[in-house]
Full PDB file with SEQRES, HELIX, SHEET, SSBOND, CRYST1, ORIGX, SCALE, CONECT and MASTER records, all heavy atoms in Angstrom:
SEQRES   1 A   40  PHE SER SER ILE HIS ASP ASN PRO VAL HIS ALA GLN ARG          
SEQRES   2 A   40  MET GLN GLN GLN ALA PRO LYS PRO VAL ASP PRO VAL VAL          
SEQRES   3 A   40  GLU ARG ILE VAL LYS GLU ALA LYS GLU ASN SER GLU LEU          
SEQRES   4 A   40  GLU                                                          
HELIX    1 AA1 SER A    2  ASP A    6  1                                   5    
HELIX    2 AA2 PRO A    8  GLN A   17  1                                  10    
HELIX    3 AA3 PRO A   24  GLU A   35  1                                  12    
CRYST1    1.000    1.000    1.000  90.00  90.00  90.00 P 1           1          
ORIGX1      1.000000  0.000000  0.000000        0.00000                         
ORIGX2      0.000000  1.000000  0.000000        0.00000                         
ORIGX3      0.000000  0.000000  1.000000        0.00000                         
SCALE1      1.000000  0.000000  0.000000        0.00000                         
SCALE2      0.000000  1.000000  0.000000        0.00000                         
SCALE3      0.000000  0.000000  1.000000        0.00000                         
ATOM      1  N   PHE A   1      -8.975   6.021   4.124  1.00  0.00           N  
ATOM      2  CA  PHE A   1      -8.684   6.192   5.520  1.00  0.00           C  
ATOM      3  C   PHE A   1      -9.866   5.812   6.378  1.00  0.00           C  
ATOM      4  O   PHE A   1      -9.719   5.098   7.392  1.00  0.00           O  
ATOM      5  CB  PHE A   1      -8.288   7.639   5.813  1.00  0.00           C  
ATOM      6  CG  PHE A   1      -6.951   8.022   5.287  1.00  0.00           C  
ATOM      7  CD1 PHE A   1      -6.635   9.356   5.089  1.00  0.00           C  
ATOM      8  CD2 PHE A   1      -6.013   7.038   4.902  1.00  0.00           C  
ATOM      9  CE1 PHE A   1      -5.365   9.669   4.583  1.00  0.00           C  
ATOM     10  CE2 PHE A   1      -4.790   7.419   4.411  1.00  0.00           C  
ATOM     11  CZ  PHE A   1      -4.481   8.759   4.241  1.00  0.00           C  
ATOM     12  N   SER A   2     -11.058   6.231   5.962  1.00  0.00           N  
ATOM     13  CA  SER A   2     -12.273   5.878   6.678  1.00  0.00           C  
ATOM     14  C   SER A   2     -12.514   4.414   6.670  1.00  0.00           C  
ATOM     15  O   SER A   2     -12.867   3.782   7.685  1.00  0.00           O  
ATOM     16  CB  SER A   2     -13.463   6.645   6.101  1.00  0.00           C  
ATOM     17  OG  SER A   2     -14.657   6.288   6.737  1.00  0.00           O  
ATOM     18  N   SER A   3     -12.292   3.763   5.499  1.00  0.00           N  
ATOM     19  CA  SER A   3     -12.520   2.343   5.379  1.00  0.00           C  
ATOM     20  C   SER A   3     -11.598   1.571   6.291  1.00  0.00           C  
ATOM     21  O   SER A   3     -11.979   0.594   6.948  1.00  0.00           O  
ATOM     22  CB  SER A   3     -12.329   1.892   3.929  1.00  0.00           C  
ATOM     23  OG  SER A   3     -13.267   2.544   3.091  1.00  0.00           O  
ATOM     24  N   ILE A   4     -10.300   1.921   6.304  1.00  0.00           N  
ATOM     25  CA  ILE A   4      -9.343   1.245   7.137  1.00  0.00           C  
ATOM     26  C   ILE A   4      -9.718   1.394   8.571  1.00  0.00           C  
ATOM     27  O   ILE A   4      -9.622   0.449   9.358  1.00  0.00           O  
ATOM     28  CB  ILE A   4      -7.925   1.817   6.857  1.00  0.00           C  
ATOM     29  CG1 ILE A   4      -7.498   1.386   5.438  1.00  0.00           C  
ATOM     30  CG2 ILE A   4      -6.911   1.260   7.868  1.00  0.00           C  
ATOM     31  CD1 ILE A   4      -6.188   2.004   5.017  1.00  0.00           C  
ATOM     32  N   HIS A   5     -10.170   2.576   8.965  1.00  0.00           N  
ATOM     33  CA  HIS A   5     -10.484   2.852  10.341  1.00  0.00           C  
ATOM     34  C   HIS A   5     -11.723   2.022  10.775  1.00  0.00           C  
ATOM     35  O   HIS A   5     -11.773   1.425  11.827  1.00  0.00           O  
ATOM     36  CB  HIS A   5     -10.745   4.355  10.582  1.00  0.00           C  
ATOM     37  CG  HIS A   5     -11.025   4.663  11.997  1.00  0.00           C  
ATOM     38  ND1 HIS A   5     -12.312   4.707  12.493  1.00  0.00           N  
ATOM     39  CD2 HIS A   5     -10.202   4.957  13.043  1.00  0.00           C  
ATOM     40  CE1 HIS A   5     -12.308   5.005  13.731  1.00  0.00           C  
ATOM     41  NE2 HIS A   5     -11.047   5.169  14.110  1.00  0.00           N  
ATOM     42  N   ASP A   6     -12.727   1.979   9.858  1.00  0.00           N  
ATOM     43  CA  ASP A   6     -14.001   1.344  10.208  1.00  0.00           C  
ATOM     44  C   ASP A   6     -14.014  -0.157   9.943  1.00  0.00           C  
ATOM     45  O   ASP A   6     -14.729  -0.899  10.607  1.00  0.00           O  
ATOM     46  CB  ASP A   6     -15.160   2.041   9.436  1.00  0.00           C  
ATOM     47  CG  ASP A   6     -15.299   3.495   9.830  1.00  0.00           C  
ATOM     48  OD1 ASP A   6     -14.931   3.813  10.980  1.00  0.00           O  
ATOM     49  OD2 ASP A   6     -15.772   4.259   9.012  1.00  0.00           O  
ATOM     50  N   ASN A   7     -13.255  -0.589   8.930  1.00  0.00           N  
ATOM     51  CA  ASN A   7     -13.364  -1.991   8.519  1.00  0.00           C  
ATOM     52  C   ASN A   7     -11.996  -2.437   8.080  1.00  0.00           C  
ATOM     53  O   ASN A   7     -11.693  -2.494   6.865  1.00  0.00           O  
ATOM     54  CB  ASN A   7     -14.389  -2.147   7.440  1.00  0.00           C  
ATOM     55  CG  ASN A   7     -14.661  -3.600   7.156  1.00  0.00           C  
ATOM     56  OD1 ASN A   7     -13.932  -4.457   7.586  1.00  0.00           O  
ATOM     57  ND2 ASN A   7     -15.768  -3.857   6.447  1.00  0.00           N  
ATOM     58  N   PRO A   8     -11.090  -2.812   8.998  1.00  0.00           N  
ATOM     59  CA  PRO A   8      -9.733  -3.188   8.605  1.00  0.00           C  
ATOM     60  C   PRO A   8      -9.695  -4.471   7.746  1.00  0.00           C  
ATOM     61  O   PRO A   8      -8.822  -4.625   6.908  1.00  0.00           O  
ATOM     62  CB  PRO A   8      -9.052  -3.450   9.949  1.00  0.00           C  
ATOM     63  CG  PRO A   8     -10.163  -3.642  10.951  1.00  0.00           C  
ATOM     64  CD  PRO A   8     -11.298  -2.825  10.452  1.00  0.00           C  
ATOM     65  N   VAL A   9     -10.722  -5.357   7.942  1.00  0.00           N  
ATOM     66  CA  VAL A   9     -10.741  -6.573   7.077  1.00  0.00           C  
ATOM     67  C   VAL A   9     -10.977  -6.209   5.608  1.00  0.00           C  
ATOM     68  O   VAL A   9     -10.359  -6.713   4.690  1.00  0.00           O  
ATOM     69  CB  VAL A   9     -11.829  -7.542   7.571  1.00  0.00           C  
ATOM     70  CG1 VAL A   9     -12.001  -8.729   6.614  1.00  0.00           C  
ATOM     71  CG2 VAL A   9     -11.485  -8.038   8.975  1.00  0.00           C  
ATOM     72  N   HIS A  10     -11.914  -5.289   5.402  1.00  0.00           N  
ATOM     73  CA  HIS A  10     -12.194  -4.834   4.032  1.00  0.00           C  
ATOM     74  C   HIS A  10     -10.959  -4.176   3.444  1.00  0.00           C  
ATOM     75  O   HIS A  10     -10.642  -4.378   2.278  1.00  0.00           O  
ATOM     76  CB  HIS A  10     -13.372  -3.794   4.086  1.00  0.00           C  
ATOM     77  CG  HIS A  10     -13.658  -3.187   2.747  1.00  0.00           C  
ATOM     78  ND1 HIS A  10     -14.111  -3.916   1.678  1.00  0.00           N  
ATOM     79  CD2 HIS A  10     -13.586  -1.925   2.317  1.00  0.00           C  
ATOM     80  CE1 HIS A  10     -14.308  -3.141   0.651  1.00  0.00           C  
ATOM     81  NE2 HIS A  10     -14.002  -1.911   1.013  1.00  0.00           N  
ATOM     82  N   ALA A  11     -10.272  -3.381   4.233  1.00  0.00           N  
ATOM     83  CA  ALA A  11      -9.038  -2.692   3.738  1.00  0.00           C  
ATOM     84  C   ALA A  11      -8.014  -3.721   3.317  1.00  0.00           C  
ATOM     85  O   ALA A  11      -7.382  -3.596   2.280  1.00  0.00           O  
ATOM     86  CB  ALA A  11      -8.499  -1.819   4.816  1.00  0.00           C  
ATOM     87  N   GLN A  12      -7.914  -4.793   4.090  1.00  0.00           N  
ATOM     88  CA  GLN A  12      -6.931  -5.859   3.786  1.00  0.00           C  
ATOM     89  C   GLN A  12      -7.294  -6.513   2.495  1.00  0.00           C  
ATOM     90  O   GLN A  12      -6.421  -6.818   1.628  1.00  0.00           O  
ATOM     91  CB  GLN A  12      -6.870  -6.876   4.941  1.00  0.00           C  
ATOM     92  CG  GLN A  12      -5.779  -7.927   4.735  1.00  0.00           C  
ATOM     93  CD  GLN A  12      -5.710  -8.864   5.915  1.00  0.00           C  
ATOM     94  OE1 GLN A  12      -6.513  -8.776   6.849  1.00  0.00           O  
ATOM     95  NE2 GLN A  12      -4.769  -9.763   5.881  1.00  0.00           N  
ATOM     96  N   ARG A  13      -8.606  -6.787   2.277  1.00  0.00           N  
ATOM     97  CA  ARG A  13      -9.048  -7.398   1.038  1.00  0.00           C  
ATOM     98  C   ARG A  13      -8.777  -6.509  -0.171  1.00  0.00           C  
ATOM     99  O   ARG A  13      -8.367  -6.973  -1.245  1.00  0.00           O  
ATOM    100  CB  ARG A  13     -10.532  -7.721   1.136  1.00  0.00           C  
ATOM    101  CG  ARG A  13     -10.873  -8.872   2.050  1.00  0.00           C  
ATOM    102  CD  ARG A  13     -12.361  -9.030   2.203  1.00  0.00           C  
ATOM    103  NE  ARG A  13     -12.698 -10.189   3.088  1.00  0.00           N  
ATOM    104  CZ  ARG A  13     -13.870 -10.356   3.566  1.00  0.00           C  
ATOM    105  NH1 ARG A  13     -14.918  -9.558   3.250  1.00  0.00           N  
ATOM    106  NH2 ARG A  13     -14.101 -11.407   4.340  1.00  0.00           N  
ATOM    107  N   MET A  14      -8.957  -5.178   0.063  1.00  0.00           N  
ATOM    108  CA  MET A  14      -8.689  -4.244  -1.047  1.00  0.00           C  
ATOM    109  C   MET A  14      -7.244  -4.343  -1.448  1.00  0.00           C  
ATOM    110  O   MET A  14      -6.881  -4.318  -2.645  1.00  0.00           O  
ATOM    111  CB  MET A  14      -9.051  -2.840  -0.601  1.00  0.00           C  
ATOM    112  CG  MET A  14     -10.538  -2.517  -0.516  1.00  0.00           C  
ATOM    113  SD  MET A  14     -10.801  -0.829   0.000  1.00  0.00           S  
ATOM    114  CE  MET A  14     -10.020   0.102  -1.306  1.00  0.00           C  
ATOM    115  N   GLN A  15      -6.328  -4.402  -0.446  1.00  0.00           N  
ATOM    116  CA  GLN A  15      -4.942  -4.472  -0.752  1.00  0.00           C  
ATOM    117  C   GLN A  15      -4.566  -5.744  -1.526  1.00  0.00           C  
ATOM    118  O   GLN A  15      -3.795  -5.759  -2.437  1.00  0.00           O  
ATOM    119  CB  GLN A  15      -4.144  -4.388   0.550  1.00  0.00           C  
ATOM    120  CG  GLN A  15      -4.200  -3.042   1.232  1.00  0.00           C  
ATOM    121  CD  GLN A  15      -3.539  -3.009   2.599  1.00  0.00           C  
ATOM    122  OE1 GLN A  15      -3.179  -4.081   3.122  1.00  0.00           O  
ATOM    123  NE2 GLN A  15      -3.372  -1.830   3.147  1.00  0.00           N  
ATOM    124  N   GLN A  16      -5.243  -6.874  -1.097  1.00  0.00           N  
ATOM    125  CA  GLN A  16      -4.952  -8.130  -1.736  1.00  0.00           C  
ATOM    126  C   GLN A  16      -5.504  -8.147  -3.155  1.00  0.00           C  
ATOM    127  O   GLN A  16      -4.888  -8.715  -4.070  1.00  0.00           O  
ATOM    128  CB  GLN A  16      -5.615  -9.260  -0.942  1.00  0.00           C  
ATOM    129  CG  GLN A  16      -4.961  -9.467   0.422  1.00  0.00           C  
ATOM    130  CD  GLN A  16      -5.736 -10.442   1.292  1.00  0.00           C  
ATOM    131  OE1 GLN A  16      -6.872 -10.827   0.934  1.00  0.00           O  
ATOM    132  NE2 GLN A  16      -5.136 -10.855   2.425  1.00  0.00           N  
ATOM    133  N   GLN A  17      -6.646  -7.514  -3.407  1.00  0.00           N  
ATOM    134  CA  GLN A  17      -7.267  -7.535  -4.704  1.00  0.00           C  
ATOM    135  C   GLN A  17      -6.635  -6.526  -5.690  1.00  0.00           C  
ATOM    136  O   GLN A  17      -6.727  -6.749  -6.893  1.00  0.00           O  
ATOM    137  CB  GLN A  17      -8.787  -7.224  -4.584  1.00  0.00           C  
ATOM    138  CG  GLN A  17      -9.514  -8.329  -3.813  1.00  0.00           C  
ATOM    139  CD  GLN A  17     -10.967  -7.864  -3.510  1.00  0.00           C  
ATOM    140  OE1 GLN A  17     -11.377  -6.808  -3.903  1.00  0.00           O  
ATOM    141  NE2 GLN A  17     -11.691  -8.728  -2.813  1.00  0.00           N  
ATOM    142  N   ALA A  18      -6.071  -5.467  -5.146  1.00  0.00           N  
ATOM    143  CA  ALA A  18      -5.518  -4.421  -6.007  1.00  0.00           C  
ATOM    144  C   ALA A  18      -4.110  -4.142  -5.661  1.00  0.00           C  
ATOM    145  O   ALA A  18      -3.818  -3.142  -5.017  1.00  0.00           O  
ATOM    146  CB  ALA A  18      -6.371  -3.183  -5.916  1.00  0.00           C  
ATOM    147  N   PRO A  19      -3.176  -5.003  -6.033  1.00  0.00           N  
ATOM    148  CA  PRO A  19      -1.776  -4.769  -5.728  1.00  0.00           C  
ATOM    149  C   PRO A  19      -1.281  -3.471  -6.402  1.00  0.00           C  
ATOM    150  O   PRO A  19      -1.720  -3.151  -7.516  1.00  0.00           O  
ATOM    151  CB  PRO A  19      -1.050  -6.004  -6.304  1.00  0.00           C  
ATOM    152  CG  PRO A  19      -1.985  -6.500  -7.318  1.00  0.00           C  
ATOM    153  CD  PRO A  19      -3.379  -6.218  -6.836  1.00  0.00           C  
ATOM    154  N   LYS A  20      -0.418  -2.792  -5.712  1.00  0.00           N  
ATOM    155  CA  LYS A  20       0.083  -1.527  -6.205  1.00  0.00           C  
ATOM    156  C   LYS A  20       0.971  -1.734  -7.431  1.00  0.00           C  
ATOM    157  O   LYS A  20       1.882  -2.558  -7.384  1.00  0.00           O  
ATOM    158  CB  LYS A  20       0.858  -0.821  -5.112  1.00  0.00           C  
ATOM    159  CG  LYS A  20       1.347   0.570  -5.490  1.00  0.00           C  
ATOM    160  CD  LYS A  20       1.967   1.289  -4.337  1.00  0.00           C  
ATOM    161  CE  LYS A  20       3.279   0.654  -3.905  1.00  0.00           C  
ATOM    162  NZ  LYS A  20       3.907   1.452  -2.826  1.00  0.00           N  
ATOM    163  N   PRO A  21       0.705  -1.050  -8.543  1.00  0.00           N  
ATOM    164  CA  PRO A  21       1.560  -1.220  -9.705  1.00  0.00           C  
ATOM    165  C   PRO A  21       2.980  -0.726  -9.464  1.00  0.00           C  
ATOM    166  O   PRO A  21       3.189   0.224  -8.667  1.00  0.00           O  
ATOM    167  CB  PRO A  21       0.855  -0.356 -10.764  1.00  0.00           C  
ATOM    168  CG  PRO A  21       0.041   0.643  -9.992  1.00  0.00           C  
ATOM    169  CD  PRO A  21      -0.394  -0.076  -8.738  1.00  0.00           C  
ATOM    170  N   VAL A  22       3.930  -1.331 -10.072  1.00  0.00           N  
ATOM    171  CA  VAL A  22       5.339  -0.972  -9.842  1.00  0.00           C  
ATOM    172  C   VAL A  22       5.699   0.137 -10.847  1.00  0.00           C  
ATOM    173  O   VAL A  22       5.482   0.016 -12.053  1.00  0.00           O  
ATOM    174  CB  VAL A  22       6.240  -2.220 -10.081  1.00  0.00           C  
ATOM    175  CG1 VAL A  22       7.692  -1.796  -9.907  1.00  0.00           C  
ATOM    176  CG2 VAL A  22       5.885  -3.298  -9.069  1.00  0.00           C  
ATOM    177  N   ASP A  23       6.279   1.226 -10.306  1.00  0.00           N  
ATOM    178  CA  ASP A  23       6.733   2.345 -11.087  1.00  0.00           C  
ATOM    179  C   ASP A  23       8.178   2.041 -11.485  1.00  0.00           C  
ATOM    180  O   ASP A  23       9.039   1.936 -10.600  1.00  0.00           O  
ATOM    181  CB  ASP A  23       6.603   3.620 -10.297  1.00  0.00           C  
ATOM    182  CG  ASP A  23       6.997   4.867 -11.091  1.00  0.00           C  
ATOM    183  OD1 ASP A  23       7.836   4.772 -11.993  1.00  0.00           O  
ATOM    184  OD2 ASP A  23       6.429   5.918 -10.818  1.00  0.00           O  
ATOM    185  N   PRO A  24       8.487   1.895 -12.773  1.00  0.00           N  
ATOM    186  CA  PRO A  24       9.867   1.610 -13.162  1.00  0.00           C  
ATOM    187  C   PRO A  24      10.889   2.665 -12.733  1.00  0.00           C  
ATOM    188  O   PRO A  24      12.065   2.313 -12.485  1.00  0.00           O  
ATOM    189  CB  PRO A  24       9.766   1.528 -14.723  1.00  0.00           C  
ATOM    190  CG  PRO A  24       8.508   2.264 -15.083  1.00  0.00           C  
ATOM    191  CD  PRO A  24       7.607   2.067 -13.912  1.00  0.00           C  
ATOM    192  N   VAL A  25      10.486   3.921 -12.649  1.00  0.00           N  
ATOM    193  CA  VAL A  25      11.399   4.951 -12.198  1.00  0.00           C  
ATOM    194  C   VAL A  25      11.788   4.745 -10.730  1.00  0.00           C  
ATOM    195  O   VAL A  25      12.922   4.867 -10.359  1.00  0.00           O  
ATOM    196  CB  VAL A  25      10.815   6.372 -12.412  1.00  0.00           C  
ATOM    197  CG1 VAL A  25      11.747   7.446 -11.816  1.00  0.00           C  
ATOM    198  CG2 VAL A  25      10.600   6.630 -13.899  1.00  0.00           C  
ATOM    199  N   VAL A  26      10.767   4.390  -9.941  1.00  0.00           N  
ATOM    200  CA  VAL A  26      11.020   4.126  -8.515  1.00  0.00           C  
ATOM    201  C   VAL A  26      11.946   2.911  -8.392  1.00  0.00           C  
ATOM    202  O   VAL A  26      12.856   2.888  -7.552  1.00  0.00           O  
ATOM    203  CB  VAL A  26       9.702   3.885  -7.754  1.00  0.00           C  
ATOM    204  CG1 VAL A  26       9.976   3.423  -6.335  1.00  0.00           C  
ATOM    205  CG2 VAL A  26       8.856   5.176  -7.771  1.00  0.00           C  
ATOM    206  N   GLU A  27      11.710   1.880  -9.200  1.00  0.00           N  
ATOM    207  CA  GLU A  27      12.584   0.715  -9.167  1.00  0.00           C  
ATOM    208  C   GLU A  27      14.026   1.092  -9.460  1.00  0.00           C  
ATOM    209  O   GLU A  27      14.951   0.602  -8.819  1.00  0.00           O  
ATOM    210  CB  GLU A  27      12.102  -0.349 -10.206  1.00  0.00           C  
ATOM    211  CG  GLU A  27      10.893  -1.121  -9.757  1.00  0.00           C  
ATOM    212  CD  GLU A  27      10.625  -2.275 -10.676  1.00  0.00           C  
ATOM    213  OE1 GLU A  27      10.792  -2.104 -11.917  1.00  0.00           O  
ATOM    214  OE2 GLU A  27      10.255  -3.353 -10.183  1.00  0.00           O  
ATOM    215  N   ARG A  28      14.233   1.957 -10.422  1.00  0.00           N  
ATOM    216  CA  ARG A  28      15.571   2.364 -10.805  1.00  0.00           C  
ATOM    217  C   ARG A  28      16.190   3.237  -9.691  1.00  0.00           C  
ATOM    218  O   ARG A  28      17.431   3.159  -9.446  1.00  0.00           O  
ATOM    219  CB  ARG A  28      15.585   3.104 -12.108  1.00  0.00           C  
ATOM    220  CG  ARG A  28      15.201   2.258 -13.306  1.00  0.00           C  
ATOM    221  CD  ARG A  28      15.660   2.850 -14.641  1.00  0.00           C  
ATOM    222  NE  ARG A  28      15.037   4.115 -14.946  1.00  0.00           N  
ATOM    223  CZ  ARG A  28      13.838   4.204 -15.549  1.00  0.00           C  
ATOM    224  NH1 ARG A  28      13.208   3.161 -15.923  1.00  0.00           N  
ATOM    225  NH2 ARG A  28      13.329   5.435 -15.772  1.00  0.00           N  
ATOM    226  N   ILE A  29      15.400   4.066  -9.034  1.00  0.00           N  
ATOM    227  CA  ILE A  29      15.856   4.853  -7.899  1.00  0.00           C  
ATOM    228  C   ILE A  29      16.416   3.936  -6.796  1.00  0.00           C  
ATOM    229  O   ILE A  29      17.490   4.145  -6.280  1.00  0.00           O  
ATOM    230  CB  ILE A  29      14.750   5.792  -7.360  1.00  0.00           C  
ATOM    231  CG1 ILE A  29      14.545   6.944  -8.328  1.00  0.00           C  
ATOM    232  CG2 ILE A  29      15.124   6.298  -5.944  1.00  0.00           C  
ATOM    233  CD1 ILE A  29      13.354   7.827  -7.937  1.00  0.00           C  
ATOM    234  N   VAL A  30      15.605   2.929  -6.445  1.00  0.00           N  
ATOM    235  CA  VAL A  30      15.998   2.029  -5.378  1.00  0.00           C  
ATOM    236  C   VAL A  30      17.265   1.291  -5.777  1.00  0.00           C  
ATOM    237  O   VAL A  30      18.213   1.138  -4.980  1.00  0.00           O  
ATOM    238  CB  VAL A  30      14.816   1.037  -5.101  1.00  0.00           C  
ATOM    239  CG1 VAL A  30      15.301  -0.063  -4.109  1.00  0.00           C  
ATOM    240  CG2 VAL A  30      13.605   1.763  -4.523  1.00  0.00           C  
ATOM    241  N   LYS A  31      17.303   0.801  -7.000  1.00  0.00           N  
ATOM    242  CA  LYS A  31      18.461   0.052  -7.484  1.00  0.00           C  
ATOM    243  C   LYS A  31      19.744   0.882  -7.457  1.00  0.00           C  
ATOM    244  O   LYS A  31      20.791   0.460  -6.934  1.00  0.00           O  
ATOM    245  CB  LYS A  31      18.209  -0.447  -8.932  1.00  0.00           C  
ATOM    246  CG  LYS A  31      19.376  -1.261  -9.513  1.00  0.00           C  
ATOM    247  CD  LYS A  31      18.948  -1.690 -10.936  1.00  0.00           C  
ATOM    248  CE  LYS A  31      20.136  -2.403 -11.614  1.00  0.00           C  
ATOM    249  NZ  LYS A  31      20.497  -3.668 -11.018  1.00  0.00           N  
ATOM    250  N   GLU A  32      19.648   2.150  -7.973  1.00  0.00           N  
ATOM    251  CA  GLU A  32      20.806   3.040  -7.988  1.00  0.00           C  
ATOM    252  C   GLU A  32      21.275   3.408  -6.547  1.00  0.00           C  
ATOM    253  O   GLU A  32      22.474   3.369  -6.270  1.00  0.00           O  
ATOM    254  CB  GLU A  32      20.497   4.310  -8.763  1.00  0.00           C  
ATOM    255  CG  GLU A  32      21.600   5.312  -8.779  1.00  0.00           C  
ATOM    256  CD  GLU A  32      22.818   4.857  -9.538  1.00  0.00           C  
ATOM    257  OE1 GLU A  32      22.720   4.007 -10.435  1.00  0.00           O  
ATOM    258  OE2 GLU A  32      23.936   5.362  -9.214  1.00  0.00           O  
ATOM    259  N   ALA A  33      20.305   3.695  -5.695  1.00  0.00           N  
ATOM    260  CA  ALA A  33      20.658   4.060  -4.329  1.00  0.00           C  
ATOM    261  C   ALA A  33      21.310   2.915  -3.573  1.00  0.00           C  
ATOM    262  O   ALA A  33      22.241   3.133  -2.771  1.00  0.00           O  
ATOM    263  CB  ALA A  33      19.417   4.510  -3.594  1.00  0.00           C  
ATOM    264  N   LYS A  34      20.858   1.691  -3.808  1.00  0.00           N  
ATOM    265  CA  LYS A  34      21.361   0.560  -3.058  1.00  0.00           C  
ATOM    266  C   LYS A  34      22.696   0.023  -3.642  1.00  0.00           C  
ATOM    267  O   LYS A  34      23.586  -0.400  -2.889  1.00  0.00           O  
ATOM    268  CB  LYS A  34      20.317  -0.559  -3.007  1.00  0.00           C  
ATOM    269  CG  LYS A  34      19.149  -0.251  -2.086  1.00  0.00           C  
ATOM    270  CD  LYS A  34      18.208  -1.454  -2.004  1.00  0.00           C  
ATOM    271  CE  LYS A  34      17.082  -1.219  -1.003  1.00  0.00           C  
ATOM    272  NZ  LYS A  34      16.157  -2.371  -0.889  1.00  0.00           N  
ATOM    273  N   GLU A  35      22.801   0.039  -4.951  1.00  0.00           N  
ATOM    274  CA  GLU A  35      23.954  -0.631  -5.582  1.00  0.00           C  
ATOM    275  C   GLU A  35      25.125   0.265  -5.810  1.00  0.00           C  
ATOM    276  O   GLU A  35      26.275  -0.213  -5.929  1.00  0.00           O  
ATOM    277  CB  GLU A  35      23.472  -1.291  -6.917  1.00  0.00           C  
ATOM    278  CG  GLU A  35      22.480  -2.402  -6.710  1.00  0.00           C  
ATOM    279  CD  GLU A  35      22.126  -3.094  -8.011  1.00  0.00           C  
ATOM    280  OE1 GLU A  35      22.701  -2.700  -9.049  1.00  0.00           O  
ATOM    281  OE2 GLU A  35      21.268  -4.001  -7.987  1.00  0.00           O  
ATOM    282  N   ASN A  36      24.885   1.559  -5.902  1.00  0.00           N  
ATOM    283  CA  ASN A  36      25.979   2.509  -6.222  1.00  0.00           C  
ATOM    284  C   ASN A  36      26.120   3.668  -5.237  1.00  0.00           C  
ATOM    285  O   ASN A  36      26.585   4.723  -5.567  1.00  0.00           O  
ATOM    286  CB  ASN A  36      25.784   3.065  -7.637  1.00  0.00           C  
ATOM    287  CG  ASN A  36      25.749   2.002  -8.697  1.00  0.00           C  
ATOM    288  OD1 ASN A  36      26.691   1.158  -8.777  1.00  0.00           O  
ATOM    289  ND2 ASN A  36      24.731   1.966  -9.507  1.00  0.00           N  
ATOM    290  N   SER A  37      25.731   3.403  -3.980  1.00  0.00           N  
ATOM    291  CA  SER A  37      25.714   4.429  -2.989  1.00  0.00           C  
ATOM    292  C   SER A  37      27.099   5.055  -2.792  1.00  0.00           C  
ATOM    293  O   SER A  37      28.097   4.411  -2.718  1.00  0.00           O  
ATOM    294  CB  SER A  37      25.226   3.883  -1.647  1.00  0.00           C  
ATOM    295  OG  SER A  37      25.322   4.890  -0.631  1.00  0.00           O  
ATOM    296  N   GLU A  38      27.115   6.443  -2.660  1.00  0.00           N  
ATOM    297  CA  GLU A  38      28.315   7.150  -2.357  1.00  0.00           C  
ATOM    298  C   GLU A  38      28.239   7.764  -0.965  1.00  0.00           C  
ATOM    299  O   GLU A  38      29.038   8.644  -0.613  1.00  0.00           O  
ATOM    300  CB  GLU A  38      28.605   8.225  -3.408  1.00  0.00           C  
ATOM    301  CG  GLU A  38      28.960   7.680  -4.777  1.00  0.00           C  
ATOM    302  CD  GLU A  38      29.630   8.721  -5.679  1.00  0.00           C  
ATOM    303  OE1 GLU A  38      30.079   9.761  -5.170  1.00  0.00           O  
ATOM    304  OE2 GLU A  38      29.630   8.480  -6.897  1.00  0.00           O  
ATOM    305  N   LEU A  39      27.245   7.313  -0.157  1.00  0.00           N  
ATOM    306  CA  LEU A  39      27.078   7.925   1.138  1.00  0.00           C  
ATOM    307  C   LEU A  39      28.344   7.850   2.047  1.00  0.00           C  
ATOM    308  O   LEU A  39      28.720   8.856   2.654  1.00  0.00           O  
ATOM    309  CB  LEU A  39      25.905   7.249   1.893  1.00  0.00           C  
ATOM    310  CG  LEU A  39      24.528   7.680   1.449  1.00  0.00           C  
ATOM    311  CD1 LEU A  39      23.431   6.755   2.060  1.00  0.00           C  
ATOM    312  CD2 LEU A  39      24.257   9.106   1.777  1.00  0.00           C  
ATOM    313  N   GLU A  40      28.989   6.717   2.067  1.00  0.00           N  
ATOM    314  CA  GLU A  40      30.124   6.573   2.921  1.00  0.00           C  
ATOM    315  C   GLU A  40      31.317   7.430   2.414  1.00  0.00           C  
ATOM    316  O   GLU A  40      32.052   8.006   3.232  1.00  0.00           O  
ATOM    317  CB  GLU A  40      30.529   5.106   3.022  1.00  0.00           C  
ATOM    318  CG  GLU A  40      29.503   4.266   3.792  1.00  0.00           C  
ATOM    319  CD  GLU A  40      30.010   2.850   4.109  1.00  0.00           C  
ATOM    320  OE1 GLU A  40      31.256   2.660   4.158  1.00  0.00           O  
ATOM    321  OE2 GLU A  40      29.178   1.947   4.271  1.00  0.00           O  
TER     322      GLU A  40                                                      
MASTER        0    0    0    3    0    0    0    6  321    1    0    4          
END                                                                             
């Protein structure tokens, strides 16, 4: 939070250098929610 506030360019580089790993459970949550929704 401090880095982003003080040095947004550095924060952007960090994001580019360290992409967030994909959680397979989260992927399945998104897929199930979008493809089989019973909301309506």
